[in-house]
Amino acid sequence: MSLQGRGEIAMAGKGSAPGERRGGRAKGVKNLHVLEREIVQQEITKTAHALRREESIRRIERDAKMAAQVLREYAAHGKKLAKERLDEFMELFVGRAAHYQPRPDKNGKDQNPTGNEAKFEKWALHAVDVAHKLAPYQSPTFRAIVVSPPPPSQNGGKKRFTLTIVDNHNGRVMPAEATTDDLDG
């Protein structure tokens, strides 16, 4: 009995043999659902990174505002910062050291009536100690930067170039290939 008379279409043949492929998505190609899910995941990751960057920027701005507020409060109350105090003590110790600094003349006699080698050394050491502690706040520190060499090439150091040479006289195009060995010799 044929189904063609009832308005239905009959299938020709028996269908595909076991293991035979007649079309559809190629093996290893992702379907649209998987692709869509990966795109959504990428967008979520991008958004998360952007939010983290924004949060970091907001945190830095907040910390900067707080530091500025502390500086304003110190200035309003007449308080000095620790680095300003260190600077004052350094100047004080340098002045004391200068007061006790021996100044011998050509004959070796001390020209400074308050000159005292032991007291000079004591105040000079205090001045150097405070200057050492104050230096990071007054001068930038420079650090070495390590630059790593490029990774070794995978083809033994040879580079391959494809050149296109155009003859200006007759307009011919002559493709050519060269390697770095060809260029060295």
N, C-alpha and C. Protein backbone atom coordinates (compact mmCIF):
# COMPACT_ATOMS: atom_id res chain seq x y z
N MET A 1 0.84 -1.17 0.00
CA MET A 1 0.00 0.00 0.00
C MET A 1 0.88 1.23 0.00
N SER A 2 0.57 2.16 -0.86
CA SER A 2 1.37 3.35 -1.03
C SER A 2 0.74 4.51 -0.28
N LEU A 3 1.57 5.30 0.31
CA LEU A 3 1.08 6.47 1.04
C LEU A 3 0.98 7.69 0.13
N GLN A 4 1.42 7.55 -1.11
CA GLN A 4 1.45 8.70 -2.01
C GLN A 4 0.04 9.18 -2.34
N GLY A 5 -0.91 8.29 -2.40
CA GLY A 5 -2.26 8.67 -2.76
C GLY A 5 -2.94 9.51 -1.69
N ARG A 6 -2.48 9.49 -0.49
CA ARG A 6 -3.12 10.21 0.62
C ARG A 6 -2.50 11.60 0.84
N GLY A 7 -1.63 12.04 -0.04
CA GLY A 7 -1.02 13.37 0.10
C GLY A 7 0.24 13.37 0.93
N GLU A 8 0.76 12.20 1.26
CA GLU A 8 1.99 12.12 2.01
C GLU A 8 3.10 11.70 1.09
N ILE A 9 4.31 12.00 1.45
CA ILE A 9 5.46 11.70 0.61
C ILE A 9 6.09 10.42 1.09
N ALA A 10 6.38 9.53 0.15
CA ALA A 10 7.04 8.28 0.50
C ALA A 10 8.54 8.47 0.40
N MET A 11 9.31 7.85 1.27
CA MET A 11 10.76 7.97 1.26
C MET A 11 11.34 6.99 0.26
N ALA A 12 12.27 7.47 -0.50
CA ALA A 12 12.95 6.59 -1.43
C ALA A 12 14.15 5.99 -0.75
N GLY A 13 14.45 4.77 -0.96
CA GLY A 13 15.62 4.12 -0.39
C GLY A 13 15.37 3.65 1.02
N LYS A 14 16.44 3.15 1.61
CA LYS A 14 16.33 2.55 2.94
C LYS A 14 16.93 3.42 4.04
N GLY A 15 17.48 4.61 3.72
CA GLY A 15 18.14 5.44 4.70
C GLY A 15 19.64 5.17 4.68
N SER A 16 20.36 5.74 5.60
CA SER A 16 21.82 5.60 5.59
C SER A 16 22.24 4.29 6.24
N ALA A 17 23.35 3.78 5.77
CA ALA A 17 23.92 2.56 6.32
C ALA A 17 24.51 2.85 7.70
N PRO A 18 24.66 1.86 8.55
CA PRO A 18 25.25 2.09 9.87
C PRO A 18 26.65 2.71 9.75
N GLY A 19 26.88 3.80 10.45
CA GLY A 19 28.18 4.49 10.44
C GLY A 19 28.33 5.48 9.30
N GLU A 20 27.38 5.52 8.38
CA GLU A 20 27.46 6.45 7.25
C GLU A 20 26.92 7.81 7.65
N ARG A 21 27.66 8.86 7.23
CA ARG A 21 27.21 10.22 7.53
C ARG A 21 26.80 10.88 6.23
N ARG A 22 25.66 11.52 6.23
CA ARG A 22 25.16 12.16 5.01
C ARG A 22 24.96 13.66 5.19
N GLY A 23 25.61 14.27 6.09
CA GLY A 23 25.45 15.72 6.28
C GLY A 23 25.38 16.06 7.75
N GLY A 24 24.88 17.21 8.02
CA GLY A 24 24.81 17.67 9.41
C GLY A 24 26.09 18.39 9.81
N ARG A 25 26.25 18.63 11.06
CA ARG A 25 27.40 19.36 11.57
C ARG A 25 28.64 18.48 11.52
N ALA A 26 29.75 19.03 11.05
CA ALA A 26 30.99 18.27 10.97
C ALA A 26 31.48 17.93 12.38
N LYS A 27 32.22 16.85 12.49
CA LYS A 27 32.72 16.40 13.77
C LYS A 27 33.66 17.45 14.36
N GLY A 28 33.49 17.78 15.63
CA GLY A 28 34.34 18.76 16.30
C GLY A 28 33.83 20.18 16.24
N VAL A 29 32.81 20.46 15.42
CA VAL A 29 32.26 21.81 15.31
C VAL A 29 31.22 21.97 16.42
N LYS A 30 31.29 23.10 17.14
CA LYS A 30 30.38 23.33 18.26
C LYS A 30 29.01 23.75 17.74
N ASN A 31 27.98 23.32 18.46
CA ASN A 31 26.63 23.73 18.05
C ASN A 31 26.34 25.13 18.58
N LEU A 32 25.24 25.71 18.14
CA LEU A 32 24.92 27.10 18.48
C LEU A 32 24.71 27.28 19.99
N HIS A 33 24.16 26.29 20.66
CA HIS A 33 23.94 26.40 22.11
C HIS A 33 25.28 26.54 22.85
N VAL A 34 26.25 25.72 22.47
CA VAL A 34 27.57 25.78 23.11
C VAL A 34 28.25 27.11 22.80
N LEU A 35 28.18 27.56 21.53
CA LEU A 35 28.79 28.84 21.15
C LEU A 35 28.16 29.99 21.93
N GLU A 36 26.85 29.98 22.04
CA GLU A 36 26.16 31.03 22.77
C GLU A 36 26.58 31.04 24.24
N ARG A 37 26.67 29.85 24.84
CA ARG A 37 27.08 29.75 26.24
C ARG A 37 28.50 30.29 26.43
N GLU A 38 29.43 30.00 25.48
CA GLU A 38 30.80 30.50 25.58
C GLU A 38 30.84 32.01 25.44
N ILE A 39 30.05 32.56 24.53
CA ILE A 39 30.02 34.02 24.36
C ILE A 39 29.50 34.69 25.63
N VAL A 40 28.44 34.12 26.21
CA VAL A 40 27.90 34.68 27.45
C VAL A 40 28.94 34.62 28.56
N GLN A 41 29.68 33.51 28.64
CA GLN A 41 30.72 33.37 29.67
C GLN A 41 31.83 34.40 29.47
N GLN A 42 32.21 34.64 28.20
CA GLN A 42 33.24 35.65 27.92
C GLN A 42 32.76 37.04 28.33
N GLU A 43 31.51 37.35 28.05
CA GLU A 43 30.97 38.66 28.42
C GLU A 43 30.92 38.81 29.94
N ILE A 44 30.56 37.74 30.63
CA ILE A 44 30.53 37.78 32.10
C ILE A 44 31.94 38.02 32.64
N THR A 45 32.93 37.34 32.06
CA THR A 45 34.32 37.51 32.49
C THR A 45 34.79 38.94 32.24
N LYS A 46 34.48 39.49 31.05
CA LYS A 46 34.88 40.87 30.75
C LYS A 46 34.24 41.84 31.73
N THR A 47 32.96 41.62 32.01
CA THR A 47 32.25 42.50 32.94
C THR A 47 32.85 42.40 34.34
N ALA A 48 33.19 41.18 34.77
CA ALA A 48 33.79 41.01 36.09
C ALA A 48 35.13 41.72 36.19
N HIS A 49 35.96 41.61 35.13
CA HIS A 49 37.25 42.31 35.12
C HIS A 49 37.05 43.82 35.16
N ALA A 50 36.08 44.31 34.39
CA ALA A 50 35.80 45.75 34.38
C ALA A 50 35.36 46.22 35.75
N LEU A 51 34.50 45.42 36.41
CA LEU A 51 34.03 45.80 37.75
C LEU A 51 35.18 45.81 38.75
N ARG A 52 36.09 44.82 38.64
CA ARG A 52 37.24 44.81 39.54
C ARG A 52 38.12 46.03 39.33
N ARG A 53 38.34 46.40 38.04
CA ARG A 53 39.14 47.59 37.75
C ARG A 53 38.47 48.83 38.32
N GLU A 54 37.16 48.95 38.11
CA GLU A 54 36.43 50.10 38.65
C GLU A 54 36.51 50.13 40.17
N GLU A 55 36.38 48.97 40.81
CA GLU A 55 36.47 48.91 42.27
C GLU A 55 37.86 49.32 42.73
N SER A 56 38.89 48.89 42.03
CA SER A 56 40.26 49.28 42.38
C SER A 56 40.44 50.78 42.25
N ILE A 57 39.92 51.34 41.17
CA ILE A 57 40.03 52.79 40.96
C ILE A 57 39.28 53.52 42.06
N ARG A 58 38.07 53.05 42.40
CA ARG A 58 37.31 53.69 43.48
C ARG A 58 38.05 53.61 44.80
N ARG A 59 38.69 52.45 45.08
CA ARG A 59 39.43 52.28 46.33
C ARG A 59 40.62 53.24 46.38
N ILE A 60 41.34 53.38 45.26
CA ILE A 60 42.49 54.29 45.21
C ILE A 60 42.03 55.72 45.40
N GLU A 61 40.94 56.09 44.73
CA GLU A 61 40.41 57.45 44.88
C GLU A 61 39.98 57.71 46.32
N ARG A 62 39.32 56.71 46.94
CA ARG A 62 38.88 56.86 48.33
C ARG A 62 40.09 57.04 49.26
N ASP A 63 41.14 56.22 49.05
CA ASP A 63 42.34 56.33 49.89
C ASP A 63 43.02 57.68 49.70
N ALA A 64 43.05 58.16 48.46
CA ALA A 64 43.66 59.47 48.19
C ALA A 64 42.88 60.59 48.87
N LYS A 65 41.54 60.49 48.83
CA LYS A 65 40.72 61.51 49.49
C LYS A 65 40.93 61.48 51.00
N MET A 66 41.03 60.26 51.56
CA MET A 66 41.26 60.15 53.00
C MET A 66 42.62 60.74 53.37
N ALA A 67 43.65 60.46 52.56
CA ALA A 67 44.98 61.01 52.85
C ALA A 67 44.96 62.52 52.76
N ALA A 68 44.28 63.06 51.74
CA ALA A 68 44.17 64.51 51.61
C ALA A 68 43.45 65.11 52.82
N GLN A 69 42.41 64.42 53.30
CA GLN A 69 41.67 64.89 54.46
C GLN A 69 42.56 64.91 55.71
N VAL A 70 43.36 63.87 55.89
CA VAL A 70 44.28 63.81 57.04
C VAL A 70 45.29 64.97 56.95
N LEU A 71 45.82 65.22 55.76
CA LEU A 71 46.77 66.33 55.60
C LEU A 71 46.11 67.67 55.92
N ARG A 72 44.86 67.85 55.48
CA ARG A 72 44.15 69.11 55.79
C ARG A 72 43.93 69.26 57.29
N GLU A 73 43.57 68.15 57.95
CA GLU A 73 43.34 68.21 59.40
C GLU A 73 44.64 68.53 60.14
N TYR A 74 45.74 67.92 59.72
CA TYR A 74 47.03 68.22 60.35
C TYR A 74 47.38 69.69 60.16
N ALA A 75 47.17 70.19 58.96
CA ALA A 75 47.50 71.60 58.68
C ALA A 75 46.58 72.53 59.48
N ALA A 76 45.30 72.17 59.58
CA ALA A 76 44.35 73.02 60.31
C ALA A 76 44.68 73.09 61.80
N HIS A 77 45.17 72.02 62.38
CA HIS A 77 45.49 71.98 63.81
C HIS A 77 46.93 72.37 64.09
N GLY A 78 47.67 72.70 63.06
CA GLY A 78 49.06 73.10 63.26
C GLY A 78 49.99 71.93 63.53
N LYS A 79 49.54 70.70 63.29
CA LYS A 79 50.39 69.54 63.52
C LYS A 79 51.29 69.32 62.31
N LYS A 80 52.44 68.79 62.59
CA LYS A 80 53.39 68.49 61.52
C LYS A 80 53.43 66.99 61.27
N LEU A 81 53.71 66.64 60.03
CA LEU A 81 53.84 65.23 59.68
C LEU A 81 55.18 64.70 60.18
N ALA A 82 55.28 63.39 60.24
CA ALA A 82 56.50 62.75 60.75
C ALA A 82 57.72 63.13 59.91
N LYS A 83 57.56 63.23 58.60
CA LYS A 83 58.71 63.58 57.76
C LYS A 83 59.17 65.01 58.04
N GLU A 84 58.22 65.88 58.39
CA GLU A 84 58.60 67.26 58.74
C GLU A 84 59.35 67.27 60.07
N ARG A 85 58.91 66.44 61.02
CA ARG A 85 59.60 66.34 62.31
C ARG A 85 61.02 65.79 62.11
N LEU A 86 61.14 64.75 61.29
CA LEU A 86 62.47 64.20 61.00
C LEU A 86 63.39 65.27 60.41
N ASP A 87 62.84 66.08 59.50
CA ASP A 87 63.63 67.13 58.89
C ASP A 87 64.09 68.15 59.94
N GLU A 88 63.19 68.49 60.86
CA GLU A 88 63.57 69.43 61.92
C GLU A 88 64.70 68.89 62.79
N PHE A 89 64.59 67.60 63.19
CA PHE A 89 65.63 67.01 64.03
C PHE A 89 66.94 66.87 63.28
N MET A 90 66.86 66.56 61.99
CA MET A 90 68.09 66.46 61.22
C MET A 90 68.81 67.81 61.21
N GLU A 91 68.05 68.89 60.96
CA GLU A 91 68.66 70.23 60.96
C GLU A 91 69.21 70.59 62.35
N LEU A 92 68.50 70.21 63.39
CA LEU A 92 68.95 70.46 64.76
C LEU A 92 70.28 69.75 65.03
N PHE A 93 70.34 68.44 64.64
CA PHE A 93 71.55 67.66 64.86
C PHE A 93 72.72 68.17 64.02
N VAL A 94 72.43 68.61 62.80
CA VAL A 94 73.50 69.17 61.94
C VAL A 94 74.03 70.45 62.58
N GLY A 95 73.13 71.26 63.14
CA GLY A 95 73.56 72.50 63.81
C GLY A 95 74.42 72.22 65.03
N ARG A 96 74.02 71.22 65.80
CA ARG A 96 74.81 70.85 66.99
C ARG A 96 76.18 70.33 66.58
N ALA A 97 76.20 69.50 65.52
CA ALA A 97 77.47 68.96 65.05
C ALA A 97 78.37 70.10 64.57
N ALA A 98 77.79 71.09 63.88
CA ALA A 98 78.59 72.22 63.40
C ALA A 98 79.14 73.03 64.58
N HIS A 99 78.36 73.13 65.66
CA HIS A 99 78.80 73.87 66.84
C HIS A 99 80.05 73.23 67.46
N TYR A 100 80.09 71.90 67.50
CA TYR A 100 81.22 71.20 68.12
C TYR A 100 82.29 70.77 67.12
N GLN A 101 82.15 71.16 65.87
CA GLN A 101 83.10 70.71 64.85
C GLN A 101 84.47 71.36 65.08
N PRO A 102 85.51 70.54 65.19
CA PRO A 102 86.87 71.10 65.33
C PRO A 102 87.30 71.74 64.00
N ARG A 103 87.94 72.92 64.08
CA ARG A 103 88.44 73.60 62.89
C ARG A 103 89.92 73.95 63.11
N PRO A 104 90.77 72.99 62.82
CA PRO A 104 92.19 73.28 63.06
C PRO A 104 92.75 74.25 62.02
N ASP A 105 93.72 75.06 62.47
CA ASP A 105 94.40 75.97 61.52
C ASP A 105 95.59 75.25 60.90
N LYS A 106 96.47 75.99 60.24
CA LYS A 106 97.62 75.37 59.57
C LYS A 106 98.57 74.71 60.54
N ASN A 107 98.61 75.19 61.75
CA ASN A 107 99.51 74.63 62.75
C ASN A 107 98.87 73.48 63.53
N GLY A 108 97.58 73.20 63.29
CA GLY A 108 96.90 72.10 63.98
C GLY A 108 96.17 72.54 65.22
N LYS A 109 96.20 73.87 65.51
CA LYS A 109 95.50 74.37 66.69
C LYS A 109 94.03 74.60 66.34
N ASP A 110 93.13 74.20 67.25
CA ASP A 110 91.70 74.31 67.01
C ASP A 110 91.28 75.77 67.05
N GLN A 111 90.62 76.23 65.96
CA GLN A 111 90.15 77.62 65.87
C GLN A 111 88.76 77.79 66.51
N ASN A 112 88.06 76.68 66.72
CA ASN A 112 86.71 76.74 67.30
C ASN A 112 86.84 76.57 68.81
N PRO A 113 86.44 77.59 69.58
CA PRO A 113 86.58 77.47 71.04
C PRO A 113 85.67 76.39 71.63
N THR A 114 84.56 76.04 70.91
CA THR A 114 83.67 74.99 71.42
C THR A 114 83.95 73.64 70.74
N GLY A 115 85.00 73.57 69.95
CA GLY A 115 85.32 72.34 69.22
C GLY A 115 85.58 71.18 70.16
N ASN A 116 84.92 70.07 69.88
CA ASN A 116 85.07 68.88 70.71
C ASN A 116 84.82 67.68 69.79
N GLU A 117 85.85 66.91 69.55
CA GLU A 117 85.77 65.78 68.60
C GLU A 117 84.70 64.77 69.00
N ALA A 118 84.60 64.41 70.26
CA ALA A 118 83.64 63.39 70.71
C ALA A 118 82.20 63.89 70.55
N LYS A 119 81.95 65.14 70.96
CA LYS A 119 80.59 65.68 70.83
C LYS A 119 80.22 65.88 69.35
N PHE A 120 81.19 66.32 68.55
CA PHE A 120 80.95 66.48 67.12
C PHE A 120 80.53 65.14 66.51
N GLU A 121 81.27 64.07 66.83
CA GLU A 121 80.96 62.76 66.27
C GLU A 121 79.57 62.29 66.73
N LYS A 122 79.24 62.53 68.00
CA LYS A 122 77.93 62.11 68.52
C LYS A 122 76.80 62.78 67.74
N TRP A 123 76.86 64.11 67.56
CA TRP A 123 75.78 64.83 66.88
C TRP A 123 75.79 64.56 65.37
N ALA A 124 76.93 64.35 64.80
CA ALA A 124 77.01 64.03 63.37
C ALA A 124 76.37 62.66 63.11
N LEU A 125 76.62 61.69 63.98
CA LEU A 125 76.01 60.37 63.82
C LEU A 125 74.48 60.44 63.95
N HIS A 126 74.00 61.27 64.87
CA HIS A 126 72.54 61.46 64.99
C HIS A 126 71.97 62.07 63.70
N ALA A 127 72.67 63.06 63.17
CA ALA A 127 72.21 63.73 61.94
C ALA A 127 72.19 62.75 60.77
N VAL A 128 73.21 61.93 60.65
CA VAL A 128 73.27 60.94 59.56
C VAL A 128 72.16 59.91 59.72
N ASP A 129 71.90 59.48 60.95
CA ASP A 129 70.85 58.48 61.19
C ASP A 129 69.48 59.03 60.79
N VAL A 130 69.18 60.25 61.20
CA VAL A 130 67.89 60.85 60.85
C VAL A 130 67.81 61.11 59.35
N ALA A 131 68.90 61.54 58.73
CA ALA A 131 68.91 61.78 57.29
C ALA A 131 68.64 60.49 56.53
N HIS A 132 69.20 59.40 57.03
CA HIS A 132 68.99 58.10 56.40
C HIS A 132 67.51 57.71 56.48
N LYS A 133 66.86 57.99 57.60
CA LYS A 133 65.44 57.65 57.75
C LYS A 133 64.54 58.60 56.97
N LEU A 134 65.01 59.82 56.74
CA LEU A 134 64.22 60.82 56.02
C LEU A 134 64.33 60.68 54.51
N ALA A 135 65.41 60.12 54.02
CA ALA A 135 65.70 60.07 52.58
C ALA A 135 64.58 59.44 51.74
N PRO A 136 63.96 58.33 52.14
CA PRO A 136 62.91 57.75 51.28
C PRO A 136 61.73 58.68 51.05
N TYR A 137 61.51 59.64 51.95
CA TYR A 137 60.39 60.56 51.79
C TYR A 137 60.75 61.76 50.92
N GLN A 138 62.02 61.98 50.69
CA GLN A 138 62.44 63.16 49.93
C GLN A 138 62.95 62.83 48.54
N SER A 139 63.45 61.63 48.32
CA SER A 139 64.03 61.27 47.02
C SER A 139 63.37 60.00 46.50
N PRO A 140 63.14 59.95 45.20
CA PRO A 140 62.57 58.71 44.64
C PRO A 140 63.61 57.59 44.67
N THR A 141 63.12 56.38 44.77
CA THR A 141 64.02 55.23 44.72
C THR A 141 63.92 54.61 43.34
N PHE A 142 65.04 54.26 42.78
CA PHE A 142 65.08 53.64 41.47
C PHE A 142 65.45 52.18 41.64
N ARG A 143 64.78 51.35 40.88
CA ARG A 143 65.04 49.91 40.97
C ARG A 143 65.36 49.39 39.59
N ALA A 144 66.14 48.33 39.57
CA ALA A 144 66.50 47.72 38.31
C ALA A 144 65.29 47.00 37.72
N ILE A 145 65.19 47.03 36.42
CA ILE A 145 64.13 46.33 35.72
C ILE A 145 64.78 45.21 34.93
N VAL A 146 64.27 44.01 35.11
CA VAL A 146 64.81 42.86 34.41
C VAL A 146 64.06 42.70 33.10
N VAL A 147 64.79 42.70 32.02
CA VAL A 147 64.19 42.50 30.70
C VAL A 147 64.64 41.13 30.22
N SER A 148 63.68 40.26 30.01
CA SER A 148 64.04 38.91 29.57
C SER A 148 64.23 38.91 28.06
N PRO A 149 65.16 38.08 27.59
CA PRO A 149 65.39 38.01 26.15
C PRO A 149 64.21 37.32 25.48
N PRO A 150 64.04 37.55 24.18
CA PRO A 150 62.93 36.89 23.49
C PRO A 150 63.14 35.38 23.47
N PRO A 151 62.05 34.63 23.41
CA PRO A 151 62.21 33.17 23.39
C PRO A 151 62.91 32.73 22.11
N PRO A 152 63.63 31.61 22.17
CA PRO A 152 64.33 31.16 20.97
C PRO A 152 63.33 30.78 19.89
N SER A 153 63.71 31.04 18.65
CA SER A 153 62.79 30.72 17.56
C SER A 153 62.72 29.21 17.40
N GLN A 154 61.61 28.74 16.87
CA GLN A 154 61.37 27.32 16.78
C GLN A 154 61.96 26.69 15.52
N ASN A 155 62.42 27.51 14.60
CA ASN A 155 62.97 26.93 13.37
C ASN A 155 64.49 27.12 13.29
N GLY A 156 65.15 27.12 14.42
CA GLY A 156 66.61 27.19 14.44
C GLY A 156 67.16 28.56 14.10
N GLY A 157 66.42 29.60 14.29
CA GLY A 157 66.92 30.94 14.03
C GLY A 157 66.72 31.40 12.59
N LYS A 158 66.14 30.57 11.77
CA LYS A 158 65.90 30.94 10.37
C LYS A 158 64.56 31.64 10.26
N LYS A 159 64.51 32.65 9.42
CA LYS A 159 63.26 33.34 9.14
C LYS A 159 62.98 33.21 7.66
N ARG A 160 61.73 33.03 7.33
CA ARG A 160 61.33 32.86 5.94
C ARG A 160 60.55 34.09 5.52
N PHE A 161 60.93 34.67 4.37
CA PHE A 161 60.27 35.84 3.81
C PHE A 161 59.68 35.48 2.46
N THR A 162 58.51 35.99 2.17
CA THR A 162 57.94 35.87 0.84
C THR A 162 57.95 37.26 0.23
N LEU A 163 58.62 37.40 -0.87
CA LEU A 163 58.78 38.68 -1.54
C LEU A 163 58.00 38.69 -2.84
N THR A 164 57.49 39.82 -3.22
CA THR A 164 56.87 39.99 -4.52
C THR A 164 57.65 41.07 -5.24
N ILE A 165 58.23 40.70 -6.35
CA ILE A 165 59.05 41.64 -7.11
C ILE A 165 58.27 42.03 -8.35
N VAL A 166 58.12 43.33 -8.57
CA VAL A 166 57.40 43.83 -9.75
C VAL A 166 58.42 44.44 -10.69
N ASP A 167 58.42 43.96 -11.91
CA ASP A 167 59.31 44.49 -12.94
C ASP A 167 58.72 45.79 -13.46
N ASN A 168 59.41 46.91 -13.30
CA ASN A 168 58.89 48.21 -13.69
C ASN A 168 58.80 48.37 -15.21
N HIS A 169 59.59 47.61 -15.96
CA HIS A 169 59.61 47.80 -17.42
C HIS A 169 58.39 47.18 -18.07
N ASN A 170 58.05 45.95 -17.71
CA ASN A 170 56.93 45.30 -18.38
C ASN A 170 55.79 44.94 -17.42
N GLY A 171 55.88 45.26 -16.14
CA GLY A 171 54.81 45.03 -15.19
C GLY A 171 54.65 43.60 -14.72
N ARG A 172 55.62 42.74 -15.00
CA ARG A 172 55.52 41.35 -14.57
C ARG A 172 55.71 41.26 -13.05
N VAL A 173 54.99 40.33 -12.45
CA VAL A 173 55.12 40.06 -11.02
C VAL A 173 55.89 38.76 -10.89
N MET A 174 56.97 38.80 -10.09
CA MET A 174 57.81 37.62 -9.90
C MET A 174 57.86 37.30 -8.41
N PRO A 175 57.11 36.28 -7.96
CA PRO A 175 57.19 35.91 -6.55
C PRO A 175 58.52 35.24 -6.25
N ALA A 176 59.04 35.48 -5.07
CA ALA A 176 60.32 34.89 -4.66
C ALA A 176 60.25 34.59 -3.18
N GLU A 177 60.99 33.59 -2.75
CA GLU A 177 61.08 33.25 -1.33
C GLU A 177 62.52 33.31 -0.90
N ALA A 178 62.76 33.72 0.33
CA ALA A 178 64.13 33.80 0.84
C ALA A 178 64.11 33.44 2.31
N THR A 179 65.23 32.92 2.79
CA THR A 179 65.41 32.66 4.22
C THR A 179 66.55 33.51 4.69
N THR A 180 66.76 33.58 6.01
CA THR A 180 67.86 34.38 6.53
C THR A 180 69.20 33.81 6.10
N ASP A 181 69.29 32.50 5.84
CA ASP A 181 70.54 31.92 5.34
C ASP A 181 70.86 32.49 3.98
N ASP A 182 69.85 32.67 3.13
CA ASP A 182 70.06 33.25 1.81
C ASP A 182 70.54 34.69 1.92
N LEU A 183 70.02 35.41 2.90
CA LEU A 183 70.39 36.82 3.05
C LEU A 183 71.79 36.99 3.62
N ASP A 184 72.23 36.05 4.46
CA ASP A 184 73.57 36.15 5.06
C ASP A 184 74.66 35.90 4.04
N GLY A 185 74.44 35.01 3.09
CA GLY A 185 75.48 34.60 2.13
C GLY A 185 75.49 35.49 0.99
